[in-house]
Amino acid sequence: MGLDNRKRIDWPIGRVEKIYPSRDGFTRVARVTTKTGSL
């Protein structure tokens, strides 16, 4: 994930906390935690 109005060097760093696989076995949703909260 990124922000179009910022340079990549300024993007927040996040950690994938949990993945949610879909019925077909592919991961399409994930919980990402940054220093300011979760996405």
PDB file of N, CA and C in Angstrom:
ATOM      1  N   MET A   1       0.845  -1.171   0.000  1.00  0.00           N
ATOM      2  CA  MET A   1       0.000   0.000   0.000  1.00  0.00           C
ATOM      3  C   MET A   1       0.887   1.229   0.000  1.00  0.00           C
ATOM      4  N   GLY A   2       0.413   2.229  -0.652  1.00  0.00           N
ATOM      5  CA  GLY A   2       1.181   3.455  -0.709  1.00  0.00           C
ATOM      6  C   GLY A   2       0.273   4.655  -0.856  1.00  0.00           C
ATOM      7  N   LEU A   3       0.858   5.787  -0.714  1.00  0.00           N
ATOM      8  CA  LEU A   3       0.138   7.041  -0.850  1.00  0.00           C
ATOM      9  C   LEU A   3       0.653   7.750  -2.091  1.00  0.00           C
ATOM     10  N   ASP A   4      -0.245   8.137  -2.975  1.00  0.00           N
ATOM     11  CA  ASP A   4       0.156   8.782  -4.220  1.00  0.00           C
ATOM     12  C   ASP A   4       0.742  10.174  -4.001  1.00  0.00           C
ATOM     13  N   ASN A   5       0.382  10.817  -2.915  1.00  0.00           N
ATOM     14  CA  ASN A   5       0.847  12.185  -2.699  1.00  0.00           C
ATOM     15  C   ASN A   5       2.143  12.252  -1.887  1.00  0.00           C
ATOM     16  N   ARG A   6       2.774  11.106  -1.618  1.00  0.00           N
ATOM     17  CA  ARG A   6       4.039  11.073  -0.878  1.00  0.00           C
ATOM     18  C   ARG A   6       5.075  10.266  -1.642  1.00  0.00           C
ATOM     19  N   LYS A   7       6.332  10.577  -1.392  1.00  0.00           N
ATOM     20  CA  LYS A   7       7.413   9.779  -1.960  1.00  0.00           C
ATOM     21  C   LYS A   7       7.473   8.455  -1.206  1.00  0.00           C
ATOM     22  N   ARG A   8       7.988   7.419  -1.847  1.00  0.00           N
ATOM     23  CA  ARG A   8       8.059   6.099  -1.204  1.00  0.00           C
ATOM     24  C   ARG A   8       8.858   6.119   0.086  1.00  0.00           C
ATOM     25  N   ILE A   9       9.871   6.948   0.145  1.00  0.00           N
ATOM     26  CA  ILE A   9      10.698   7.019   1.352  1.00  0.00           C
ATOM     27  C   ILE A   9       9.882   7.490   2.559  1.00  0.00           C
ATOM     28  N   ASP A  10       8.774   8.185   2.307  1.00  0.00           N
ATOM     29  CA  ASP A  10       7.934   8.719   3.383  1.00  0.00           C
ATOM     30  C   ASP A  10       6.722   7.855   3.710  1.00  0.00           C
ATOM     31  N   TRP A  11       6.547   6.737   2.999  1.00  0.00           N
ATOM     32  CA  TRP A  11       5.414   5.856   3.277  1.00  0.00           C
ATOM     33  C   TRP A  11       5.578   5.216   4.654  1.00  0.00           C
ATOM     34  N   PRO A  12       4.494   5.029   5.375  1.00  0.00           N
ATOM     35  CA  PRO A  12       4.595   4.353   6.679  1.00  0.00           C
ATOM     36  C   PRO A  12       4.938   2.875   6.503  1.00  0.00           C
ATOM     37  N   ILE A  13       5.748   2.364   7.413  1.00  0.00           N
ATOM     38  CA  ILE A  13       6.111   0.945   7.397  1.00  0.00           C
ATOM     39  C   ILE A  13       5.093   0.191   8.236  1.00  0.00           C
ATOM     40  N   GLY A  14       4.658  -0.950   7.739  1.00  0.00           N
ATOM     41  CA  GLY A  14       3.673  -1.747   8.457  1.00  0.00           C
ATOM     42  C   GLY A  14       4.077  -3.202   8.550  1.00  0.00           C
ATOM     43  N   ARG A  15       3.421  -3.912   9.434  1.00  0.00           N
ATOM     44  CA  ARG A  15       3.657  -5.341   9.639  1.00  0.00           C
ATOM     45  C   ARG A  15       2.344  -6.080   9.412  1.00  0.00           C
ATOM     46  N   VAL A  16       2.401  -7.148   8.629  1.00  0.00           N
ATOM     47  CA  VAL A  16       1.218  -7.966   8.394  1.00  0.00           C
ATOM     48  C   VAL A  16       0.985  -8.802   9.644  1.00  0.00           C
ATOM     49  N   GLU A  17      -0.125  -8.568  10.318  1.00  0.00           N
ATOM     50  CA  GLU A  17      -0.446  -9.263  11.561  1.00  0.00           C
ATOM     51  C   GLU A  17      -1.270 -10.524  11.314  1.00  0.00           C
ATOM     52  N   LYS A  18      -2.178 -10.459  10.343  1.00  0.00           N
ATOM     53  CA  LYS A  18      -3.043 -11.604  10.073  1.00  0.00           C
ATOM     54  C   LYS A  18      -3.470 -11.569   8.619  1.00  0.00           C
ATOM     55  N   ILE A  19      -3.568 -12.743   8.006  1.00  0.00           N
ATOM     56  CA  ILE A  19      -4.074 -12.833   6.644  1.00  0.00           C
ATOM     57  C   ILE A  19      -5.404 -13.567   6.662  1.00  0.00           C
ATOM     58  N   TYR A  20      -6.252 -13.228   5.719  1.00  0.00           N
ATOM     59  CA  TYR A  20      -7.576 -13.817   5.611  1.00  0.00           C
ATOM     60  C   TYR A  20      -7.711 -14.450   4.232  1.00  0.00           C
ATOM     61  N   PRO A  21      -7.445 -15.758   4.110  1.00  0.00           N
ATOM     62  CA  PRO A  21      -7.558 -16.404   2.799  1.00  0.00           C
ATOM     63  C   PRO A  21      -9.014 -16.478   2.345  1.00  0.00           C
ATOM     64  N   SER A  22      -9.206 -16.398   1.034  1.00  0.00           N
ATOM     65  CA  SER A  22     -10.551 -16.496   0.465  1.00  0.00           C
ATOM     66  C   SER A  22     -10.908 -17.962   0.239  1.00  0.00           C
ATOM     67  N   ARG A  23     -12.095 -18.191  -0.249  1.00  0.00           N
ATOM     68  CA  ARG A  23     -12.561 -19.568  -0.471  1.00  0.00           C
ATOM     69  C   ARG A  23     -11.703 -20.321  -1.476  1.00  0.00           C
ATOM     70  N   ASP A  24     -11.108 -19.588  -2.428  1.00  0.00           N
ATOM     71  CA  ASP A  24     -10.278 -20.251  -3.432  1.00  0.00           C
ATOM     72  C   ASP A  24      -8.833 -20.454  -2.968  1.00  0.00           C
ATOM     73  N   GLY A  25      -8.527 -20.078  -1.728  1.00  0.00           N
ATOM     74  CA  GLY A  25      -7.210 -20.319  -1.160  1.00  0.00           C
ATOM     75  C   GLY A  25      -6.217 -19.175  -1.318  1.00  0.00           C
ATOM     76  N   PHE A  26      -6.589 -18.140  -2.052  1.00  0.00           N
ATOM     77  CA  PHE A  26      -5.704 -16.994  -2.227  1.00  0.00           C
ATOM     78  C   PHE A  26      -5.970 -15.963  -1.143  1.00  0.00           C
ATOM     79  N   THR A  27      -4.918 -15.284  -0.714  1.00  0.00           N
ATOM     80  CA  THR A  27      -5.062 -14.231   0.282  1.00  0.00           C
ATOM     81  C   THR A  27      -5.388 -12.933  -0.425  1.00  0.00           C
ATOM     82  N   ARG A  28      -6.510 -12.339  -0.051  1.00  0.00           N
ATOM     83  CA  ARG A  28      -6.942 -11.087  -0.664  1.00  0.00           C
ATOM     84  C   ARG A  28      -7.103  -9.969   0.368  1.00  0.00           C
ATOM     85  N   VAL A  29      -7.116 -10.328   1.649  1.00  0.00           N
ATOM     86  CA  VAL A  29      -7.299  -9.357   2.723  1.00  0.00           C
ATOM     87  C   VAL A  29      -6.267  -9.644   3.800  1.00  0.00           C
ATOM     88  N   ALA A  30      -5.724  -8.584   4.388  1.00  0.00           N
ATOM     89  CA  ALA A  30      -4.751  -8.744   5.465  1.00  0.00           C
ATOM     90  C   ALA A  30      -4.917  -7.606   6.466  1.00  0.00           C
ATOM     91  N   ARG A  31      -4.609  -7.897   7.721  1.00  0.00           N
ATOM     92  CA  ARG A  31      -4.577  -6.853   8.753  1.00  0.00           C
ATOM     93  C   ARG A  31      -3.126  -6.388   8.855  1.00  0.00           C
ATOM     94  N   VAL A  32      -2.928  -5.087   8.650  1.00  0.00           N
ATOM     95  CA  VAL A  32      -1.593  -4.493   8.684  1.00  0.00           C
ATOM     96  C   VAL A  32      -1.546  -3.497   9.827  1.00  0.00           C
ATOM     97  N   THR A  33      -0.507  -3.575  10.648  1.00  0.00           N
ATOM     98  CA  THR A  33      -0.343  -2.674  11.775  1.00  0.00           C
ATOM     99  C   THR A  33       0.837  -1.744  11.515  1.00  0.00           C
ATOM    100  N   THR A  34       0.614  -0.448  11.719  1.00  0.00           N
ATOM    101  CA  THR A  34       1.675   0.551  11.640  1.00  0.00           C
ATOM    102  C   THR A  34       1.843   1.165  13.023  1.00  0.00           C
ATOM    103  N   LYS A  35       2.764   2.090  13.150  1.00  0.00           N
ATOM    104  CA  LYS A  35       2.968   2.698  14.464  1.00  0.00           C
ATOM    105  C   LYS A  35       1.787   3.562  14.900  1.00  0.00           C
ATOM    106  N   THR A  36       0.928   3.941  13.951  1.00  0.00           N
ATOM    107  CA  THR A  36      -0.225   4.778  14.303  1.00  0.00           C
ATOM    108  C   THR A  36      -1.533   4.013  14.389  1.00  0.00           C
ATOM    109  N   GLY A  37      -1.532   2.719  14.062  1.00  0.00           N
ATOM    110  CA  GLY A  37      -2.767   1.950  14.151  1.00  0.00           C
ATOM    111  C   GLY A  37      -2.811   0.799  13.174  1.00  0.00           C
ATOM    112  N   SER A  38      -4.011   0.252  12.966  1.00  0.00           N
ATOM    113  CA  SER A  38      -4.208  -0.893  12.080  1.00  0.00           C
ATOM    114  C   SER A  38      -4.997  -0.486  10.849  1.00  0.00           C
ATOM    115  N   LEU A  39      -4.732  -1.185   9.756  1.00  0.00           N
ATOM    116  CA  LEU A  39      -5.456  -0.974   8.503  1.00  0.00           C
ATOM    117  C   LEU A  39      -6.161  -2.249   8.140  1.00  0.00           C
TER     118      LEU A  39
END
